[in-house]
Amino acid sequence: MKILFVCNQNQDRSKTAEELFRDRFETKSAGLYNERPVTEKEVSWADKIIVMEPEQIEEIIKRFPKFCAQKALFSLDIPDLYHYNQPSLIAALKSKINDLF
């Protein structure tokens, strides 16, 4: 399964998730508001798109409406309070992904 993890900047949450679940899924990560925002190619590649906050789903749908109609989009509800590979972020990601799958 191909999973695209998305957060605001792709510095902490989505980047950690991409690396953390690489052994379970094919993973990529992207940001919405960074210098190289998520692309149509990345969205079309993914089987599932997992964002960190609910409003990020709305933004992805707004940017890529024709692709999102065919995709499963999920929010993990993980706020932007963490640093890259922070142990509490890793624990939250593992818990939320285990609940999802």
PDB file of N, CA and C in Angstrom:
ATOM      1  N   MET A   1       0.846  -1.177   0.000  1.00  0.00           N
ATOM      2  CA  MET A   1       0.000   0.000   0.000  1.00  0.00           C
ATOM      3  C   MET A   1       0.894   1.245   0.000  1.00  0.00           C
ATOM      4  N   LYS A   2       0.527   2.217  -0.812  1.00  0.00           N
ATOM      5  CA  LYS A   2       1.274   3.468  -0.932  1.00  0.00           C
ATOM      6  C   LYS A   2       0.578   4.543  -0.101  1.00  0.00           C
ATOM      7  N   ILE A   3       1.319   5.085   0.870  1.00  0.00           N
ATOM      8  CA  ILE A   3       0.747   6.103   1.753  1.00  0.00           C
ATOM      9  C   ILE A   3       1.552   7.386   1.644  1.00  0.00           C
ATOM     10  N   LEU A   4       0.831   8.486   1.422  1.00  0.00           N
ATOM     11  CA  LEU A   4       1.419   9.822   1.416  1.00  0.00           C
ATOM     12  C   LEU A   4       1.027  10.502   2.723  1.00  0.00           C
ATOM     13  N   PHE A   5       2.026  10.855   3.520  1.00  0.00           N
ATOM     14  CA  PHE A   5       1.802  11.594   4.764  1.00  0.00           C
ATOM     15  C   PHE A   5       1.994  13.078   4.479  1.00  0.00           C
ATOM     16  N   VAL A   6       1.041  13.895   4.938  1.00  0.00           N
ATOM     17  CA  VAL A   6       1.085  15.328   4.655  1.00  0.00           C
ATOM     18  C   VAL A   6       0.880  16.118   5.944  1.00  0.00           C
ATOM     19  N   CYS A   7       1.705  17.152   6.114  1.00  0.00           N
ATOM     20  CA  CYS A   7       1.492  18.134   7.180  1.00  0.00           C
ATOM     21  C   CYS A   7       1.774  19.517   6.595  1.00  0.00           C
ATOM     22  N   ASN A   8       1.938  20.506   7.427  1.00  0.00           N
ATOM     23  CA  ASN A   8       2.105  21.868   6.923  1.00  0.00           C
ATOM     24  C   ASN A   8       3.441  22.097   6.218  1.00  0.00           C
ATOM     25  N   GLN A   9       4.539  21.720   6.856  1.00  0.00           N
ATOM     26  CA  GLN A   9       5.867  22.039   6.324  1.00  0.00           C
ATOM     27  C   GLN A   9       6.690  20.827   5.886  1.00  0.00           C
ATOM     28  N   ASN A  10       6.269  19.629   6.244  1.00  0.00           N
ATOM     29  CA  ASN A  10       7.022  18.404   5.987  1.00  0.00           C
ATOM     30  C   ASN A  10       8.401  18.454   6.656  1.00  0.00           C
ATOM     31  N   GLN A  11       8.423  18.948   7.862  1.00  0.00           N
ATOM     32  CA  GLN A  11       9.679  18.984   8.622  1.00  0.00           C
ATOM     33  C   GLN A  11       9.645  18.045   9.815  1.00  0.00           C
ATOM     34  N   ASP A  12       8.510  17.887  10.432  1.00  0.00           N
ATOM     35  CA  ASP A  12       8.441  17.128  11.676  1.00  0.00           C
ATOM     36  C   ASP A  12       7.484  15.936  11.579  1.00  0.00           C
ATOM     37  N   ARG A  13       6.191  16.207  11.563  1.00  0.00           N
ATOM     38  CA  ARG A  13       5.203  15.127  11.667  1.00  0.00           C
ATOM     39  C   ARG A  13       5.189  14.193  10.462  1.00  0.00           C
ATOM     40  N   SER A  14       4.989  14.724   9.277  1.00  0.00           N
ATOM     41  CA  SER A  14       4.884  13.841   8.108  1.00  0.00           C
ATOM     42  C   SER A  14       6.215  13.186   7.764  1.00  0.00           C
ATOM     43  N   LYS A  15       7.292  13.894   7.963  1.00  0.00           N
ATOM     44  CA  LYS A  15       8.617  13.318   7.699  1.00  0.00           C
ATOM     45  C   LYS A  15       8.911  12.173   8.669  1.00  0.00           C
ATOM     46  N   THR A  16       8.564  12.364   9.932  1.00  0.00           N
ATOM     47  CA  THR A  16       8.729  11.288  10.921  1.00  0.00           C
ATOM     48  C   THR A  16       7.866  10.090  10.538  1.00  0.00           C
ATOM     49  N   ALA A  17       6.620  10.333  10.151  1.00  0.00           N
ATOM     50  CA  ALA A  17       5.717   9.240   9.773  1.00  0.00           C
ATOM     51  C   ALA A  17       6.240   8.484   8.555  1.00  0.00           C
ATOM     52  N   GLU A  18       6.737   9.213   7.565  1.00  0.00           N
ATOM     53  CA  GLU A  18       7.276   8.559   6.365  1.00  0.00           C
ATOM     54  C   GLU A  18       8.366   7.559   6.744  1.00  0.00           C
ATOM     55  N   GLU A  19       9.282   7.980   7.584  1.00  0.00           N
ATOM     56  CA  GLU A  19      10.400   7.121   7.979  1.00  0.00           C
ATOM     57  C   GLU A  19       9.956   6.009   8.929  1.00  0.00           C
ATOM     58  N   LEU A  20       9.051   6.317   9.830  1.00  0.00           N
ATOM     59  CA  LEU A  20       8.611   5.367  10.844  1.00  0.00           C
ATOM     60  C   LEU A  20       7.877   4.161  10.242  1.00  0.00           C
ATOM     61  N   PHE A  21       7.084   4.406   9.196  1.00  0.00           N
ATOM     62  CA  PHE A  21       6.255   3.338   8.642  1.00  0.00           C
ATOM     63  C   PHE A  21       6.782   2.789   7.316  1.00  0.00           C
ATOM     64  N   ARG A  22       7.989   3.137   6.983  1.00  0.00           N
ATOM     65  CA  ARG A  22       8.620   2.686   5.738  1.00  0.00           C
ATOM     66  C   ARG A  22       8.719   1.165   5.657  1.00  0.00           C
ATOM     67  N   ASP A  23       8.827   0.502   6.807  1.00  0.00           N
ATOM     68  CA  ASP A  23       8.946  -0.962   6.804  1.00  0.00           C
ATOM     69  C   ASP A  23       7.589  -1.662   6.644  1.00  0.00           C
ATOM     70  N   ARG A  24       6.496  -0.922   6.821  1.00  0.00           N
ATOM     71  CA  ARG A  24       5.143  -1.482   6.710  1.00  0.00           C
ATOM     72  C   ARG A  24       4.447  -1.162   5.393  1.00  0.00           C
ATOM     73  N   PHE A  25       4.763   0.002   4.835  1.00  0.00           N
ATOM     74  CA  PHE A  25       4.105   0.510   3.628  1.00  0.00           C
ATOM     75  C   PHE A  25       5.142   1.164   2.716  1.00  0.00           C
ATOM     76  N   GLU A  26       4.739   1.434   1.479  1.00  0.00           N
ATOM     77  CA  GLU A  26       5.515   2.342   0.634  1.00  0.00           C
ATOM     78  C   GLU A  26       5.110   3.739   1.078  1.00  0.00           C
ATOM     79  N   THR A  27       6.054   4.554   1.478  1.00  0.00           N
ATOM     80  CA  THR A  27       5.702   5.857   2.045  1.00  0.00           C
ATOM     81  C   THR A  27       6.426   7.006   1.352  1.00  0.00           C
ATOM     82  N   LYS A  28       5.745   8.131   1.353  1.00  0.00           N
ATOM     83  CA  LYS A  28       6.314   9.416   0.945  1.00  0.00           C
ATOM     84  C   LYS A  28       5.708  10.449   1.892  1.00  0.00           C
ATOM     85  N   SER A  29       6.333  11.615   1.949  1.00  0.00           N
ATOM     86  CA  SER A  29       5.762  12.699   2.746  1.00  0.00           C
ATOM     87  C   SER A  29       5.883  14.007   1.979  1.00  0.00           C
ATOM     88  N   ALA A  30       5.023  14.939   2.357  1.00  0.00           N
ATOM     89  CA  ALA A  30       4.996  16.238   1.693  1.00  0.00           C
ATOM     90  C   ALA A  30       4.401  17.270   2.636  1.00  0.00           C
ATOM     91  N   GLY A  31       4.622  18.523   2.296  1.00  0.00           N
ATOM     92  CA  GLY A  31       4.044  19.632   3.045  1.00  0.00           C
ATOM     93  C   GLY A  31       3.060  20.402   2.181  1.00  0.00           C
ATOM     94  N   LEU A  32       2.225  21.161   2.825  1.00  0.00           N
ATOM     95  CA  LEU A  32       1.267  21.996   2.106  1.00  0.00           C
ATOM     96  C   LEU A  32       1.789  23.409   1.883  1.00  0.00           C
ATOM     97  N   TYR A  33       2.582  23.910   2.806  1.00  0.00           N
ATOM     98  CA  TYR A  33       2.938  25.331   2.785  1.00  0.00           C
ATOM     99  C   TYR A  33       4.444  25.563   2.821  1.00  0.00           C
ATOM    100  N   ASN A  34       5.207  24.658   2.267  1.00  0.00           N
ATOM    101  CA  ASN A  34       6.657  24.817   2.266  1.00  0.00           C
ATOM    102  C   ASN A  34       7.138  25.247   0.880  1.00  0.00           C
ATOM    103  N   GLU A  35       8.453  25.259   0.692  1.00  0.00           N
ATOM    104  CA  GLU A  35       9.017  25.705  -0.581  1.00  0.00           C
ATOM    105  C   GLU A  35       8.681  24.764  -1.736  1.00  0.00           C
ATOM    106  N   ARG A  36       8.480  23.487  -1.424  1.00  0.00           N
ATOM    107  CA  ARG A  36       8.117  22.501  -2.443  1.00  0.00           C
ATOM    108  C   ARG A  36       6.855  21.780  -1.981  1.00  0.00           C
ATOM    109  N   PRO A  37       5.685  22.414  -2.185  1.00  0.00           N
ATOM    110  CA  PRO A  37       4.448  21.822  -1.670  1.00  0.00           C
ATOM    111  C   PRO A  37       4.060  20.539  -2.404  1.00  0.00           C
ATOM    112  N   VAL A  38       3.191  19.786  -1.775  1.00  0.00           N
ATOM    113  CA  VAL A  38       2.699  18.528  -2.321  1.00  0.00           C
ATOM    114  C   VAL A  38       2.258  18.724  -3.773  1.00  0.00           C
ATOM    115  N   THR A  39       2.561  17.723  -4.584  1.00  0.00           N
ATOM    116  CA  THR A  39       2.291  17.829  -6.017  1.00  0.00           C
ATOM    117  C   THR A  39       1.179  16.884  -6.455  1.00  0.00           C
ATOM    118  N   GLU A  40       0.655  17.146  -7.637  1.00  0.00           N
ATOM    119  CA  GLU A  40      -0.339  16.268  -8.237  1.00  0.00           C
ATOM    120  C   GLU A  40       0.232  14.864  -8.417  1.00  0.00           C
ATOM    121  N   LYS A  41       1.493  14.781  -8.783  1.00  0.00           N
ATOM    122  CA  LYS A  41       2.149  13.482  -8.980  1.00  0.00           C
ATOM    123  C   LYS A  41       2.166  12.670  -7.684  1.00  0.00           C
ATOM    124  N   GLU A  42       2.473  13.336  -6.554  1.00  0.00           N
ATOM    125  CA  GLU A  42       2.493  12.642  -5.263  1.00  0.00           C
ATOM    126  C   GLU A  42       1.092  12.184  -4.866  1.00  0.00           C
ATOM    127  N   VAL A  43       0.113  13.035  -5.065  1.00  0.00           N
ATOM    128  CA  VAL A  43      -1.266  12.691  -4.725  1.00  0.00           C
ATOM    129  C   VAL A  43      -1.759  11.537  -5.591  1.00  0.00           C
ATOM    130  N   SER A  44      -1.446  11.563  -6.870  1.00  0.00           N
ATOM    131  CA  SER A  44      -1.906  10.482  -7.748  1.00  0.00           C
ATOM    132  C   SER A  44      -1.192   9.166  -7.454  1.00  0.00           C
ATOM    133  N   TRP A  45       0.044   9.224  -6.963  1.00  0.00           N
ATOM    134  CA  TRP A  45       0.819   8.030  -6.607  1.00  0.00           C
ATOM    135  C   TRP A  45       0.193   7.268  -5.442  1.00  0.00           C
ATOM    136  N   ALA A  46      -0.347   7.983  -4.482  1.00  0.00           N
ATOM    137  CA  ALA A  46      -0.783   7.393  -3.211  1.00  0.00           C
ATOM    138  C   ALA A  46      -2.093   6.618  -3.313  1.00  0.00           C
ATOM    139  N   ASP A  47      -2.154   5.512  -2.564  1.00  0.00           N
ATOM    140  CA  ASP A  47      -3.423   4.801  -2.371  1.00  0.00           C
ATOM    141  C   ASP A  47      -4.229   5.478  -1.267  1.00  0.00           C
ATOM    142  N   LYS A  48      -3.520   5.923  -0.230  1.00  0.00           N
ATOM    143  CA  LYS A  48      -4.138   6.622   0.900  1.00  0.00           C
ATOM    144  C   LYS A  48      -3.321   7.873   1.201  1.00  0.00           C
ATOM    145  N   ILE A  49      -4.013   8.927   1.564  1.00  0.00           N
ATOM    146  CA  ILE A  49      -3.371  10.172   1.969  1.00  0.00           C
ATOM    147  C   ILE A  49      -3.723  10.395   3.426  1.00  0.00           C
ATOM    148  N   ILE A  50      -2.699  10.511   4.241  1.00  0.00           N
ATOM    149  CA  ILE A  50      -2.905  10.688   5.674  1.00  0.00           C
ATOM    150  C   ILE A  50      -2.329  12.035   6.079  1.00  0.00           C
ATOM    151  N   VAL A  51      -3.200  12.889   6.596  1.00  0.00           N
ATOM    152  CA  VAL A  51      -2.786  14.217   7.044  1.00  0.00           C
ATOM    153  C   VAL A  51      -2.732  14.235   8.564  1.00  0.00           C
ATOM    154  N   MET A  52      -2.147  15.274   9.095  1.00  0.00           N
ATOM    155  CA  MET A  52      -2.004  15.371  10.543  1.00  0.00           C
ATOM    156  C   MET A  52      -3.146  16.123  11.205  1.00  0.00           C
ATOM    157  N   GLU A  53      -3.813  17.021  10.469  1.00  0.00           N
ATOM    158  CA  GLU A  53      -4.904  17.817  11.026  1.00  0.00           C
ATOM    159  C   GLU A  53      -6.075  17.852  10.030  1.00  0.00           C
ATOM    160  N   PRO A  54      -7.318  17.853  10.514  1.00  0.00           N
ATOM    161  CA  PRO A  54      -8.487  17.773   9.628  1.00  0.00           C
ATOM    162  C   PRO A  54      -8.532  18.839   8.529  1.00  0.00           C
ATOM    163  N   GLU A  55      -8.150  20.066   8.836  1.00  0.00           N
ATOM    164  CA  GLU A  55      -8.229  21.134   7.827  1.00  0.00           C
ATOM    165  C   GLU A  55      -7.277  20.890   6.649  1.00  0.00           C
ATOM    166  N   GLN A  56      -6.294  20.036   6.852  1.00  0.00           N
ATOM    167  CA  GLN A  56      -5.374  19.713   5.758  1.00  0.00           C
ATOM    168  C   GLN A  56      -6.065  18.861   4.691  1.00  0.00           C
ATOM    169  N   ILE A  57      -7.058  18.075   5.083  1.00  0.00           N
ATOM    170  CA  ILE A  57      -7.846  17.325   4.103  1.00  0.00           C
ATOM    171  C   ILE A  57      -8.557  18.304   3.167  1.00  0.00           C
ATOM    172  N   GLU A  58      -9.165  19.323   3.744  1.00  0.00           N
ATOM    173  CA  GLU A  58      -9.878  20.324   2.939  1.00  0.00           C
ATOM    174  C   GLU A  58      -8.950  20.998   1.943  1.00  0.00           C
ATOM    175  N   GLU A  59      -7.742  21.294   2.373  1.00  0.00           N
ATOM    176  CA  GLU A  59      -6.769  21.960   1.492  1.00  0.00           C
ATOM    177  C   GLU A  59      -6.346  21.046   0.348  1.00  0.00           C
ATOM    178  N   ILE A  60      -6.133  19.783   0.630  1.00  0.00           N
ATOM    179  CA  ILE A  60      -5.756  18.839  -0.426  1.00  0.00           C
ATOM    180  C   ILE A  60      -6.894  18.668  -1.426  1.00  0.00           C
ATOM    181  N   ILE A  61      -8.116  18.556  -0.939  1.00  0.00           N
ATOM    182  CA  ILE A  61      -9.271  18.429  -1.834  1.00  0.00           C
ATOM    183  C   ILE A  61      -9.407  19.678  -2.703  1.00  0.00           C
ATOM    184  N   LYS A  62      -9.188  20.844  -2.118  1.00  0.00           N
ATOM    185  CA  LYS A  62      -9.276  22.099  -2.871  1.00  0.00           C
ATOM    186  C   LYS A  62      -8.218  22.139  -3.981  1.00  0.00           C
ATOM    187  N   ARG A  63      -7.008  21.679  -3.694  1.00  0.00           N
ATOM    188  CA  ARG A  63      -5.919  21.721  -4.676  1.00  0.00           C
ATOM    189  C   ARG A  63      -6.011  20.630  -5.734  1.00  0.00           C
ATOM    190  N   PHE A  64      -6.522  19.456  -5.352  1.00  0.00           N
ATOM    191  CA  PHE A  64      -6.506  18.297  -6.255  1.00  0.00           C
ATOM    192  C   PHE A  64      -7.870  17.595  -6.286  1.00  0.00           C
ATOM    193  N   PRO A  65      -8.931  18.288  -6.660  1.00  0.00           N
ATOM    194  CA  PRO A  65     -10.279  17.710  -6.557  1.00  0.00           C
ATOM    195  C   PRO A  65     -10.474  16.442  -7.395  1.00  0.00           C
ATOM    196  N   LYS A  66      -9.926  16.391  -8.594  1.00  0.00           N
ATOM    197  CA  LYS A  66     -10.185  15.217  -9.441  1.00  0.00           C
ATOM    198  C   LYS A  66      -9.490  13.964  -8.922  1.00  0.00           C
ATOM    199  N   PHE A  67      -8.370  14.115  -8.228  1.00  0.00           N
ATOM    200  CA  PHE A  67      -7.666  12.955  -7.683  1.00  0.00           C
ATOM    201  C   PHE A  67      -8.259  12.516  -6.354  1.00  0.00           C
ATOM    202  N   CYS A  68      -8.714  13.451  -5.566  1.00  0.00           N
ATOM    203  CA  CYS A  68      -9.192  13.132  -4.220  1.00  0.00           C
ATOM    204  C   CYS A  68     -10.501  12.369  -4.229  1.00  0.00           C
ATOM    205  N   ALA A  69     -11.256  12.470  -5.290  1.00  0.00           N
ATOM    206  CA  ALA A  69     -12.498  11.715  -5.379  1.00  0.00           C
ATOM    207  C   ALA A  69     -12.224  10.212  -5.397  1.00  0.00           C
ATOM    208  N   GLN A  70     -11.026   9.836  -5.789  1.00  0.00           N
ATOM    209  CA  GLN A  70     -10.654   8.426  -5.910  1.00  0.00           C
ATOM    210  C   GLN A  70      -9.770   7.946  -4.763  1.00  0.00           C
ATOM    211  N   LYS A  71      -9.480   8.800  -3.808  1.00  0.00           N
ATOM    212  CA  LYS A  71      -8.532   8.482  -2.743  1.00  0.00           C
ATOM    213  C   LYS A  71      -9.206   8.386  -1.382  1.00  0.00           C
ATOM    214  N   ALA A  72      -8.588   7.597  -0.527  1.00  0.00           N
ATOM    215  CA  ALA A  72      -8.990   7.564   0.876  1.00  0.00           C
ATOM    216  C   ALA A  72      -8.130   8.579   1.617  1.00  0.00           C
ATOM    217  N   LEU A  73      -8.760   9.543   2.249  1.00  0.00           N
ATOM    218  CA  LEU A  73      -8.057  10.576   3.012  1.00  0.00           C
ATOM    219  C   LEU A  73      -8.418  10.441   4.481  1.00  0.00           C
ATOM    220  N   PHE A  74      -7.406  10.491   5.329  1.00  0.00           N
ATOM    221  CA  PHE A  74      -7.593  10.345   6.771  1.00  0.00           C
ATOM    222  C   PHE A  74      -6.807  11.421   7.508  1.00  0.00           C
ATOM    223  N   SER A  75      -7.339  11.852   8.637  1.00  0.00           N
ATOM    224  CA  SER A  75      -6.616  12.766   9.524  1.00  0.00           C
ATOM    225  C   SER A  75      -6.264  12.031  10.810  1.00  0.00           C
ATOM    226  N   LEU A  76      -5.024  12.195  11.238  1.00  0.00           N
ATOM    227  CA  LEU A  76      -4.585  11.584  12.495  1.00  0.00           C
ATOM    228  C   LEU A  76      -4.851  12.483  13.702  1.00  0.00           C
ATOM    229  N   ASP A  77      -5.254  13.721  13.466  1.00  0.00           N
ATOM    230  CA  ASP A  77      -5.504  14.683  14.553  1.00  0.00           C
ATOM    231  C   ASP A  77      -4.291  14.823  15.478  1.00  0.00           C
ATOM    232  N   ILE A  78      -3.144  15.037  14.868  1.00  0.00           N
ATOM    233  CA  ILE A  78      -1.910  15.269  15.633  1.00  0.00           C
ATOM    234  C   ILE A  78      -1.512  16.732  15.420  1.00  0.00           C
ATOM    235  N   PRO A  79      -1.608  17.551  16.462  1.00  0.00           N
ATOM    236  CA  PRO A  79      -1.313  18.982  16.315  1.00  0.00           C
ATOM    237  C   PRO A  79       0.170  19.247  16.064  1.00  0.00           C
ATOM    238  N   ASP A  80       0.433  20.436  15.571  1.00  0.00           N
ATOM    239  CA  ASP A  80       1.798  20.844  15.227  1.00  0.00           C
ATOM    240  C   ASP A  80       2.550  21.308  16.481  1.00  0.00           C
ATOM    241  N   LEU A  81       2.776  20.365  17.392  1.00  0.00           N
ATOM    242  CA  LEU A  81       3.436  20.667  18.668  1.00  0.00           C
ATOM    243  C   LEU A  81       4.737  19.888  18.837  1.00  0.00           C
ATOM    244  N   TYR A  82       5.095  19.111  17.851  1.00  0.00           N
ATOM    245  CA  TYR A  82       6.194  18.158  18.008  1.00  0.00           C
ATOM    246  C   TYR A  82       7.391  18.517  17.143  1.00  0.00           C
ATOM    247  N   HIS A  83       8.513  17.901  17.494  1.00  0.00           N
ATOM    248  CA  HIS A  83       9.736  18.030  16.707  1.00  0.00           C
ATOM    249  C   HIS A  83       9.987  16.721  15.973  1.00  0.00           C
ATOM    250  N   TYR A  84      10.808  16.780  14.955  1.00  0.00           N
ATOM    251  CA  TYR A  84      11.167  15.610  14.160  1.00  0.00           C
ATOM    252  C   TYR A  84      11.683  14.482  15.057  1.00  0.00           C
ATOM    253  N   ASN A  85      11.106  13.306  14.898  1.00  0.00           N
ATOM    254  CA  ASN A  85      11.479  12.087  15.628  1.00  0.00           C
ATOM    255  C   ASN A  85      11.358  12.196  17.149  1.00  0.00           C
ATOM    256  N   GLN A  86      10.592  13.136  17.639  1.00  0.00           N
ATOM    257  CA  GLN A  86      10.366  13.267  19.078  1.00  0.00           C
ATOM    258  C   GLN A  86       9.666  12.001  19.581  1.00  0.00           C
ATOM    259  N   PRO A  87      10.123  11.413  20.680  1.00  0.00           N
ATOM    260  CA  PRO A  87       9.523  10.164  21.169  1.00  0.00           C
ATOM    261  C   PRO A  87       8.002  10.234  21.360  1.00  0.00           C
ATOM    262  N   SER A  88       7.484  11.337  21.857  1.00  0.00           N
ATOM    263  CA  SER A  88       6.031  11.442  22.042  1.00  0.00           C
ATOM    264  C   SER A  88       5.305  11.530  20.693  1.00  0.00           C
ATOM    265  N   LEU A  89       5.934  12.098  19.681  1.00  0.00           N
ATOM    266  CA  LEU A  89       5.356  12.111  18.335  1.00  0.00           C
ATOM    267  C   LEU A  89       5.333  10.698  17.769  1.00  0.00           C
ATOM    268  N   ILE A  90       6.409   9.974  17.931  1.00  0.00           N
ATOM    269  CA  ILE A  90       6.476   8.591  17.455  1.00  0.00           C
ATOM    270  C   ILE A  90       5.391   7.746  18.119  1.00  0.00           C
ATOM    271  N   ALA A  91       5.213   7.909  19.409  1.00  0.00           N
ATOM    272  CA  ALA A  91       4.171   7.161  20.128  1.00  0.00           C
ATOM    273  C   ALA A  91       2.781   7.513  19.602  1.00  0.00           C
ATOM    274  N   ALA A  92       2.527   8.791  19.385  1.00  0.00           N
ATOM    275  CA  ALA A  92       1.221   9.218  18.870  1.00  0.00           C
ATOM    276  C   ALA A  92       0.984   8.664  17.468  1.00  0.00           C
ATOM    277  N   LEU A  93       1.993   8.728  16.612  1.00  0.00           N
ATOM    278  CA  LEU A  93       1.858   8.207  15.251  1.00  0.00           C
ATOM    279  C   LEU A  93       1.579   6.707  15.257  1.00  0.00           C
ATOM    280  N   LYS A  94       2.324   5.967  16.060  1.00  0.00           N
ATOM    281  CA  LYS A  94       2.126   4.507  16.133  1.00  0.00           C
ATOM    282  C   LYS A  94       0.712   4.176  16.599  1.00  0.00           C
ATOM    283  N   SER A  95       0.248   4.857  17.620  1.00  0.00           N
ATOM    284  CA  SER A  95      -1.082   4.616  18.147  1.00  0.00           C
ATOM    285  C   SER A  95      -2.164   4.907  17.105  1.00  0.00           C
ATOM    286  N   LYS A  96      -2.060   6.043  16.439  1.00  0.00           N
ATOM    287  CA  LYS A  96      -3.076   6.440  15.464  1.00  0.00           C
ATOM    288  C   LYS A  96      -3.061   5.528  14.245  1.00  0.00           C
ATOM    289  N   ILE A  97      -1.897   5.149  13.769  1.00  0.00           N
ATOM    290  CA  ILE A  97      -1.803   4.256  12.609  1.00  0.00           C
ATOM    291  C   ILE A  97      -2.310   2.873  12.961  1.00  0.00           C
ATOM    292  N   ASN A  98      -1.991   2.379  14.150  1.00  0.00           N
ATOM    293  CA  ASN A  98      -2.510   1.072  14.580  1.00  0.00           C
ATOM    294  C   ASN A  98      -4.038   1.090  14.647  1.00  0.00           C
ATOM    295  N   ASP A  99      -4.610   2.201  15.102  1.00  0.00           N
ATOM    296  CA  ASP A  99      -6.071   2.328  15.138  1.00  0.00           C
ATOM    297  C   ASP A  99      -6.663   2.330  13.719  1.00  0.00           C
ATOM    298  N   LEU A 100      -5.946   2.947  12.798  1.00  0.00           N
ATOM    299  CA  LEU A 100      -6.424   3.082  11.416  1.00  0.00           C
ATOM    300  C   LEU A 100      -6.338   1.762  10.656  1.00  0.00           C
ATOM    301  N   PHE A 101      -5.303   0.990  10.945  1.00  0.00           N
ATOM    302  CA  PHE A 101      -5.084  -0.262  10.215  1.00  0.00           C
ATOM    303  C   PHE A 101      -5.182  -1.438  11.148  1.00  0.00           C
TER     304      PHE A 101
END
